[in-house]
């Protein structure tokens, strides 16, 4: 592509760069049973937006020109609730907000929207965030039931396949590209094992914002207690390949995708503060810079095998930025399903040691609107100065997205 730059230019520091000052997240908890089961998505968003201000005390909140929030399932696209959360968190009423829905990549899209606005000079400072309560909003809302007859009766497979259940797209990838059940189970167990080690050694602590929430007694709704949730609660610390192998297929009777080797339905929120480098310098915030955004690309694929999206989007990102696969030090690849994650890793020839070193969505969970920003919050602490990382995910309806980030 005409915009290709190469590693040397990607690592150089320029006044026009879009830099990152903080990238934080709440814990990710299991939907229905986890720590945020009685919390609202916008409640979690408010906490992480407030934490973003607290992490940048020398920044006047009125300097924030825009907030973008990725959200998938919330009513009215979460726009009203997100705006309320923003105001509750202490942001100026002069700072506008919008929500964005690109399904599983909504969080990365929110960060990208802010980065693009900074790049073209529309704004100087912004927050890209993501939120999701799958406890409260998952289920029938995930697949539309009221559709134009021309769509429901279309003879074009791609039309109807846009509402194919995600689990069946996972089965398609496994069958078409030869990803075995054994390999999926081994990959899933490794995700939990890596996440378990990371959590036990405190590697997630710097990216997580502890959140105080109310939890209701199930049998006595009028009774509740306040608890502080400070850890991801979907990690299975005692998991093994043998235990994974005992789980039954979840989506097809003869399938290979199970509840164990698929991403967890989860709740959480995350936020990243971005600004132009020259603005950071003018505001005396140069020492607060932790990294920079260096580009994003999106690509489409067949809806019935949406999981292969990263294998298309990542080459497009590398072409756009002028990088080679070996230039990337770390890959945060969303584990929507073990089948598609393994396919993408193999297709791209990625070094498995560089992919999700602290586990992925199979262990941590996949709150749809939050995931992209969660991956970024997890990526940044793992990179050393001058290293490059990629955040990527597949997208329901047949797409992939990938963003490039540099640690400073």
Foldseek 3Di string as FASTA:
>chain_A
DVQADELVVLQDDDLLFKFFLAKAKAAKEFACPTDCVPPDQLQQVLLQLLVVCVSVVLDDLQLAAEEEEEAAFDPPLCAVSNLVSNVVSPHDPNHYYYYDYQWQCRQVVQVVVVRVCSNVPVGFKHKRKYWFRCNPGPDPSVADDDDDVCQVPPPDVLSVLLRPPPLQLLQVLCVVVVPDLLNLLQQLLVLLQLQLVCVVVVVCQVRHDWDWDWDADPVHRVDIDIDIRTHQDQRDNPDDSVVSVPFAADPDNPGRFGLQQAFGAITIMMMIMIGRNNVCVVSVNNVSTFWGWDDKFKFFDRQSNLLLAVLVRVVVGCRSHVHALVQAQAEAEARRGSSSVVVSCVSNVHDPCRYNSNHHRSRRGRRRRGRNSVSVSSPRVVDDASHKYKYKYGGHSGMIMIIIMGTD
